[in-house]
C-alpha atoms as a PDB file:
ATOM      1  CA  MET A   1     -70.845 168.686 100.239  1.00  0.00           C
ATOM      2  CA  ALA A   2     -68.346 165.273 100.817  1.00  0.00           C
ATOM      3  CA  ASP A   3     -68.444 162.402  98.477  1.00  0.00           C
ATOM      4  CA  LEU A   4     -69.478 160.123 101.381  1.00  0.00           C
ATOM      5  CA  ARG A   5     -69.718 156.590 101.377  1.00  0.00           C
ATOM      6  CA  GLU A   6     -71.570 154.604 103.109  1.00  0.00           C
ATOM      7  CA  TYR A   7     -71.018 150.440 103.980  1.00  0.00           C
ATOM      8  CA  PRO A   8     -72.932 148.681 105.788  1.00  0.00           C
ATOM      9  CA  ARG A   9     -70.956 145.688 108.156  1.00  0.00           C
ATOM     10  CA  SER A  10     -72.459 142.520 109.946  1.00  0.00           C
ATOM     11  CA  LYS A  11     -69.975 140.566 111.264  1.00  0.00           C
ATOM     12  CA  GLU A  12     -70.766 138.394 114.267  1.00  0.00           C
ATOM     13  CA  GLY A  13     -69.334 139.703 117.603  1.00  0.00           C
ATOM     14  CA  SER A  14     -67.762 143.382 115.903  1.00  0.00           C
ATOM     15  CA  THR A  15     -68.431 146.278 117.568  1.00  0.00           C
ATOM     16  CA  ILE A  16     -68.544 147.773 114.608  1.00  0.00           C
ATOM     17  CA  SER A  17     -71.562 148.125 111.911  1.00  0.00           C
ATOM     18  CA  LYS A  18     -70.775 150.769 109.829  1.00  0.00           C
ATOM     19  CA  ILE A  19     -67.928 152.078 107.603  1.00  0.00           C
ATOM     20  CA  VAL A  20     -67.784 155.537 106.108  1.00  0.00           C
ATOM     21  CA  VAL A  21     -65.257 156.944 103.300  1.00  0.00           C
ATOM     22  CA  ASP A  22     -64.665 160.367 102.002  1.00  0.00           C
ATOM     23  CA  ARG A  23     -64.054 159.313  99.098  1.00  0.00           C
ATOM     24  CA  ASP A  24     -63.044 163.735  98.337  1.00  0.00           C
ATOM     25  CA  LEU A  25     -60.167 163.095 101.337  1.00  0.00           C
ATOM     26  CA  CYS A  26     -59.059 159.636  99.995  1.00  0.00           C
ATOM     27  CA  ILE A  27     -55.774 160.084  98.460  1.00  0.00           C
ATOM     28  CA  ALA A  28     -55.111 156.395  97.983  1.00  0.00           C
ATOM     29  CA  ALA A  29     -52.445 156.163  99.353  1.00  0.00           C
ATOM     30  CA  VAL A  30     -53.078 152.657  99.887  1.00  0.00           C
ATOM     31  CA  SER A  31     -52.764 152.485 103.880  1.00  0.00           C
ATOM     32  CA  CYS A  32     -55.532 151.410 104.037  1.00  0.00           C
ATOM     33  CA  ILE A  33     -55.300 148.860 101.753  1.00  0.00           C
ATOM     34  CA  ALA A  34     -51.496 147.184 102.821  1.00  0.00           C
ATOM     35  CA  VAL A  35     -53.113 146.960 106.439  1.00  0.00           C
ATOM     36  CA  ALA A  36     -56.112 145.104 105.091  1.00  0.00           C
ATOM     37  CA  GLY A  37     -56.266 144.076 102.042  1.00  0.00           C
ATOM     38  CA  GLU A  38     -59.402 142.188 102.468  1.00  0.00           C
ATOM     39  CA  VAL A  39     -61.333 144.872 102.652  1.00  0.00           C
ATOM     40  CA  TRP A  40     -60.456 148.033 101.240  1.00  0.00           C
ATOM     41  CA  GLU A  41     -60.285 148.430  96.923  1.00  0.00           C
ATOM     42  CA  LEU A  42     -59.210 151.139  94.446  1.00  0.00           C
ATOM     43  CA  ASP A  43     -62.809 151.703  92.216  1.00  0.00           C
ATOM     44  CA  GLY A  44     -61.836 153.812  88.891  1.00  0.00           C
ATOM     45  CA  GLU A  45     -61.519 156.841  90.185  1.00  0.00           C
ATOM     46  CA  SER A  46     -58.759 156.261  92.515  1.00  0.00           C
ATOM     47  CA  LYS A  47     -60.934 156.364  95.567  1.00  0.00           C
ATOM     48  CA  VAL A  48     -60.617 154.166  98.490  1.00  0.00           C
ATOM     49  CA  VAL A  49     -64.240 151.261  98.383  1.00  0.00           C
ATOM     50  CA  VAL A  50     -65.700 148.272 100.470  1.00  0.00           C
ATOM     51  CA  LYS A  51     -65.217 145.056  98.765  1.00  0.00           C
ATOM     52  CA  ASP A  52     -66.140 142.995 102.602  1.00  0.00           C
ATOM     53  CA  ALA A  53     -66.376 144.999 105.369  1.00  0.00           C
ATOM     54  CA  ASN A  54     -66.945 141.386 106.716  1.00  0.00           C
ATOM     55  CA  SER A  55     -63.003 139.888 106.017  1.00  0.00           C
ATOM     56  CA  VAL A  56     -60.756 141.093 109.705  1.00  0.00           C
ATOM     57  CA  ASP A  57     -61.351 141.469 112.669  1.00  0.00           C
ATOM     58  CA  ASP A  58     -62.649 145.261 114.481  1.00  0.00           C
ATOM     59  CA  ALA A  59     -58.937 145.456 114.977  1.00  0.00           C
ATOM     60  CA  THR A  60     -57.547 145.144 111.523  1.00  0.00           C
ATOM     61  CA  LEU A  61     -60.347 147.766 110.316  1.00  0.00           C
ATOM     62  CA  ILE A  62     -59.272 150.127 113.104  1.00  0.00           C
ATOM     63  CA  ALA A  63     -55.410 149.399 112.470  1.00  0.00           C
ATOM     64  CA  SER A  64     -56.583 149.524 108.521  1.00  0.00           C
ATOM     65  CA  ALA A  65     -58.619 153.094 108.984  1.00  0.00           C
ATOM     66  CA  GLU A  66     -55.784 154.188 110.993  1.00  0.00           C
ATOM     67  CA  ALA A  67     -53.395 154.271 108.165  1.00  0.00           C
ATOM     68  CA  CYS A  68     -55.120 156.516 106.730  1.00  0.00           C
ATOM     69  CA  PRO A  69     -53.290 160.123 106.156  1.00  0.00           C
ATOM     70  CA  THR A  70     -56.258 161.770 106.184  1.00  0.00           C
ATOM     71  CA  LYS A  71     -57.931 160.029 107.652  1.00  0.00           C
ATOM     72  CA  ALA A  72     -60.791 159.688 104.781  1.00  0.00           C
ATOM     73  CA  ILE A  73     -61.826 156.608 106.534  1.00  0.00           C
ATOM     74  CA  TYR A  74     -64.802 157.070 109.575  1.00  0.00           C
ATOM     75  CA  LEU A  75     -66.279 153.846 111.149  1.00  0.00           C
ATOM     76  CA  TYR A  76     -69.402 153.525 113.595  1.00  0.00           C
ATOM     77  CA  GLY A  77     -70.489 151.199 116.739  1.00  0.00           C
ATOM     78  CA  THR A  78     -73.361 149.675 117.382  1.00  0.00           C
ATOM     79  CA  ASP A  79     -74.119 152.316 119.392  1.00  0.00           C
ATOM     80  CA  GLY A  80     -73.934 154.389 116.243  1.00  0.00           C
ATOM     81  CA  GLN A  81     -71.377 156.549 117.732  1.00  0.00           C
ATOM     82  CA  GLN A  82     -68.397 157.296 115.360  1.00  0.00           C
ATOM     83  CA  VAL A  83     -64.818 155.795 116.635  1.00  0.00           C
ATOM     84  CA  TRP A  84     -62.323 155.844 114.081  1.00  0.00           C
ATOM     85  CA  PRO A  85     -61.747 158.985 114.399  1.00  0.00           C
ATOM     86  CA  LYS A  86     -61.720 159.823 117.321  1.00  0.00           C
END
């Protein structure tokens, strides 16, 4: 079973309501951090975690998830549908 961590997002005007990180897929490439360092940081196990889910706009959040080479970051819309990866 995958080690999934869920983070709610409540940024006003956002169409993304949840971020999920698959810690088994995360390889600490830090490409997400390079795109949106306000959102992401590495924990003591060198796995990405959300430090502020509401700190950037939707486009930047999506770009940071798209930058992940292993697609370890999942984004869900306010309608519950998966936004990324498609």
